[in-house]
Amino acid sequence: MVAQMSDNPTPEQEKAMTEARARLAETPASVVVANHVVGLYELAAIHLGANPPRFDDARLAIDALAAIVDNLGSRLGADHATFKDALANIRLVYVKLTNPEQSE
């Protein structure tokens, strides 16, 4: 479920949204994308760490993470190598948890 703003926001809500947009506009896109990459990694880890693990949700987060890391590549700058390692690690955890007999 996606949270939606009211069709008739209050003046306070309008002001808060205007301020949030201004702050976002001042932030380099690379920083915002990097934050999303970290968030997707954390989301996958949360679903894998659930009891019981939620593999479908984890897989979706991992696939979204891979779409960004693999497709943007060096455009992610100095963080690209770190993000590639994080992606490989979370994939490894997923495989180990979904195939426990193979990890012995």
C-alpha atoms as a PDB file:
ATOM      1  CA  MET A   1       0.000   0.000   0.000  1.00  0.00           C
ATOM      2  CA  VAL A   2       1.380   3.382  -0.967  1.00  0.00           C
ATOM      3  CA  ALA A   3       0.693   6.368   1.250  1.00  0.00           C
ATOM      4  CA  GLN A   4      -1.010   9.169  -0.589  1.00  0.00           C
ATOM      5  CA  MET A   5      -1.432  12.804   0.270  1.00  0.00           C
ATOM      6  CA  SER A   6      -4.877  14.226   0.585  1.00  0.00           C
ATOM      7  CA  ASP A   7      -6.418  15.849  -2.474  1.00  0.00           C
ATOM      8  CA  ASN A   8      -6.842  18.919  -0.266  1.00  0.00           C
ATOM      9  CA  PRO A   9      -3.603  19.302   1.717  1.00  0.00           C
ATOM     10  CA  THR A  10      -3.501  21.776   4.550  1.00  0.00           C
ATOM     11  CA  PRO A  11      -1.272  24.835   4.236  1.00  0.00           C
ATOM     12  CA  GLU A  12       1.136  23.163   6.676  1.00  0.00           C
ATOM     13  CA  GLN A  13       1.291  20.038   4.492  1.00  0.00           C
ATOM     14  CA  GLU A  14       1.867  22.154   1.385  1.00  0.00           C
ATOM     15  CA  LYS A  15       4.693  24.020   3.117  1.00  0.00           C
ATOM     16  CA  ALA A  16       6.285  20.775   4.322  1.00  0.00           C
ATOM     17  CA  MET A  17       6.146  19.281   0.814  1.00  0.00           C
ATOM     18  CA  THR A  18       7.620  22.417  -0.729  1.00  0.00           C
ATOM     19  CA  GLU A  19      10.475  22.370   1.785  1.00  0.00           C
ATOM     20  CA  ALA A  20      11.085  18.635   1.240  1.00  0.00           C
ATOM     21  CA  ARG A  21      11.199  19.122  -2.540  1.00  0.00           C
ATOM     22  CA  ALA A  22      13.654  22.004  -2.146  1.00  0.00           C
ATOM     23  CA  ARG A  23      15.956  19.893   0.047  1.00  0.00           C
ATOM     24  CA  LEU A  24      15.734  17.015  -2.422  1.00  0.00           C
ATOM     25  CA  ALA A  25      16.498  19.318  -5.354  1.00  0.00           C
ATOM     26  CA  GLU A  26      19.695  20.434  -3.588  1.00  0.00           C
ATOM     27  CA  THR A  27      20.863  16.837  -3.076  1.00  0.00           C
ATOM     28  CA  PRO A  28      22.909  15.230  -5.863  1.00  0.00           C
ATOM     29  CA  ALA A  29      21.011  12.413  -7.560  1.00  0.00           C
ATOM     30  CA  SER A  30      23.924  10.061  -6.870  1.00  0.00           C
ATOM     31  CA  VAL A  31      23.365  10.499  -3.129  1.00  0.00           C
ATOM     32  CA  VAL A  32      19.645   9.799  -3.409  1.00  0.00           C
ATOM     33  CA  VAL A  33      20.233   6.715  -5.568  1.00  0.00           C
ATOM     34  CA  ALA A  34      22.913   5.453  -3.149  1.00  0.00           C
ATOM     35  CA  ASN A  35      20.431   5.828  -0.287  1.00  0.00           C
ATOM     36  CA  HIS A  36      17.910   3.753  -2.216  1.00  0.00           C
ATOM     37  CA  VAL A  37      20.527   1.079  -2.905  1.00  0.00           C
ATOM     38  CA  VAL A  38      21.287   0.828   0.813  1.00  0.00           C
ATOM     39  CA  GLY A  39      17.576   0.764   1.595  1.00  0.00           C
ATOM     40  CA  LEU A  40      16.956  -2.094  -0.839  1.00  0.00           C
ATOM     41  CA  TYR A  41      19.858  -4.058   0.647  1.00  0.00           C
ATOM     42  CA  GLU A  42      18.448  -3.532   4.148  1.00  0.00           C
ATOM     43  CA  LEU A  43      14.953  -4.469   2.982  1.00  0.00           C
ATOM     44  CA  ALA A  44      16.246  -7.754   1.551  1.00  0.00           C
ATOM     45  CA  ALA A  45      18.132  -8.486   4.765  1.00  0.00           C
ATOM     46  CA  ILE A  46      15.044  -7.777   6.877  1.00  0.00           C
ATOM     47  CA  HIS A  47      12.942 -10.192   4.825  1.00  0.00           C
ATOM     48  CA  LEU A  48      15.655 -12.846   4.903  1.00  0.00           C
ATOM     49  CA  GLY A  49      15.994 -12.441   8.661  1.00  0.00           C
ATOM     50  CA  ALA A  50      12.271 -12.747   9.331  1.00  0.00           C
ATOM     51  CA  ASN A  51      10.964 -15.842  11.085  1.00  0.00           C
ATOM     52  CA  PRO A  52      10.071 -17.485   8.812  1.00  0.00           C
ATOM     53  CA  PRO A  53      12.038 -15.787   6.039  1.00  0.00           C
ATOM     54  CA  ARG A  54       9.939 -14.044   3.402  1.00  0.00           C
ATOM     55  CA  PHE A  55      11.791 -15.216   0.316  1.00  0.00           C
ATOM     56  CA  ASP A  56       9.502 -13.651  -2.299  1.00  0.00           C
ATOM     57  CA  ASP A  57       9.817 -10.223  -0.700  1.00  0.00           C
ATOM     58  CA  ALA A  58      13.576 -10.647  -0.296  1.00  0.00           C
ATOM     59  CA  ARG A  59      13.932 -11.717  -3.928  1.00  0.00           C
ATOM     60  CA  LEU A  60      12.033  -8.637  -5.109  1.00  0.00           C
ATOM     61  CA  ALA A  61      14.309  -6.342  -3.090  1.00  0.00           C
ATOM     62  CA  ILE A  62      17.405  -8.196  -4.345  1.00  0.00           C
ATOM     63  CA  ASP A  63      16.240  -7.980  -7.956  1.00  0.00           C
ATOM     64  CA  ALA A  64      15.550  -4.249  -7.588  1.00  0.00           C
ATOM     65  CA  LEU A  65      18.983  -3.778  -6.028  1.00  0.00           C
ATOM     66  CA  ALA A  66      20.567  -5.707  -8.900  1.00  0.00           C
ATOM     67  CA  ALA A  67      18.687  -3.651 -11.482  1.00  0.00           C
ATOM     68  CA  ILE A  68      20.214  -0.478 -10.104  1.00  0.00           C
ATOM     69  CA  VAL A  69      23.733  -1.771  -9.426  1.00  0.00           C
ATOM     70  CA  ASP A  70      24.088  -3.759 -12.657  1.00  0.00           C
ATOM     71  CA  ASN A  71      22.509  -1.201 -14.965  1.00  0.00           C
ATOM     72  CA  LEU A  72      24.037   1.977 -13.564  1.00  0.00           C
ATOM     73  CA  GLY A  73      27.469   0.457 -13.050  1.00  0.00           C
ATOM     74  CA  SER A  74      30.222   3.046 -12.883  1.00  0.00           C
ATOM     75  CA  ARG A  75      27.651   5.853 -12.908  1.00  0.00           C
ATOM     76  CA  LEU A  76      27.288   5.041  -9.206  1.00  0.00           C
ATOM     77  CA  GLY A  77      30.814   6.400  -8.761  1.00  0.00           C
ATOM     78  CA  ALA A  78      33.192   5.249  -6.066  1.00  0.00           C
ATOM     79  CA  ASP A  79      30.428   3.296  -4.314  1.00  0.00           C
ATOM     80  CA  HIS A  80      29.881   0.948  -7.257  1.00  0.00           C
ATOM     81  CA  ALA A  81      32.382  -1.677  -6.062  1.00  0.00           C
ATOM     82  CA  THR A  82      30.913  -1.615  -2.557  1.00  0.00           C
ATOM     83  CA  PHE A  83      27.399  -1.992  -3.942  1.00  0.00           C
ATOM     84  CA  LYS A  84      28.500  -4.909  -6.161  1.00  0.00           C
ATOM     85  CA  ASP A  85      29.983  -6.646  -3.118  1.00  0.00           C
ATOM     86  CA  ALA A  86      26.841  -6.018  -1.078  1.00  0.00           C
ATOM     87  CA  LEU A  87      24.697  -7.427  -3.879  1.00  0.00           C
ATOM     88  CA  ALA A  88      26.877 -10.543  -4.126  1.00  0.00           C
ATOM     89  CA  ASN A  89      26.695 -11.025  -0.351  1.00  0.00           C
ATOM     90  CA  ILE A  90      22.926 -10.696  -0.085  1.00  0.00           C
ATOM     91  CA  ARG A  91      22.508 -13.067  -3.036  1.00  0.00           C
ATOM     92  CA  LEU A  92      24.754 -15.579  -1.265  1.00  0.00           C
ATOM     93  CA  VAL A  93      22.660 -15.347   1.901  1.00  0.00           C
ATOM     94  CA  TYR A  94      19.498 -15.859  -0.151  1.00  0.00           C
ATOM     95  CA  VAL A  95      20.918 -18.954  -1.863  1.00  0.00           C
ATOM     96  CA  LYS A  96      22.127 -20.440   1.436  1.00  0.00           C
ATOM     97  CA  LEU A  97      18.760 -19.913   3.088  1.00  0.00           C
ATOM     98  CA  THR A  98      16.734 -21.264   0.176  1.00  0.00           C
ATOM     99  CA  ASN A  99      19.034 -24.292  -0.285  1.00  0.00           C
ATOM    100  CA  PRO A 100      20.136 -25.249   3.250  1.00  0.00           C
ATOM    101  CA  GLU A 101      21.208 -28.777   2.249  1.00  0.00           C
ATOM    102  CA  GLN A 102      23.727 -27.375  -0.257  1.00  0.00           C
ATOM    103  CA  SER A 103      25.432 -25.089   2.256  1.00  0.00           C
ATOM    104  CA  GLU A 104      26.590 -27.984   4.463  1.00  0.00           C
END
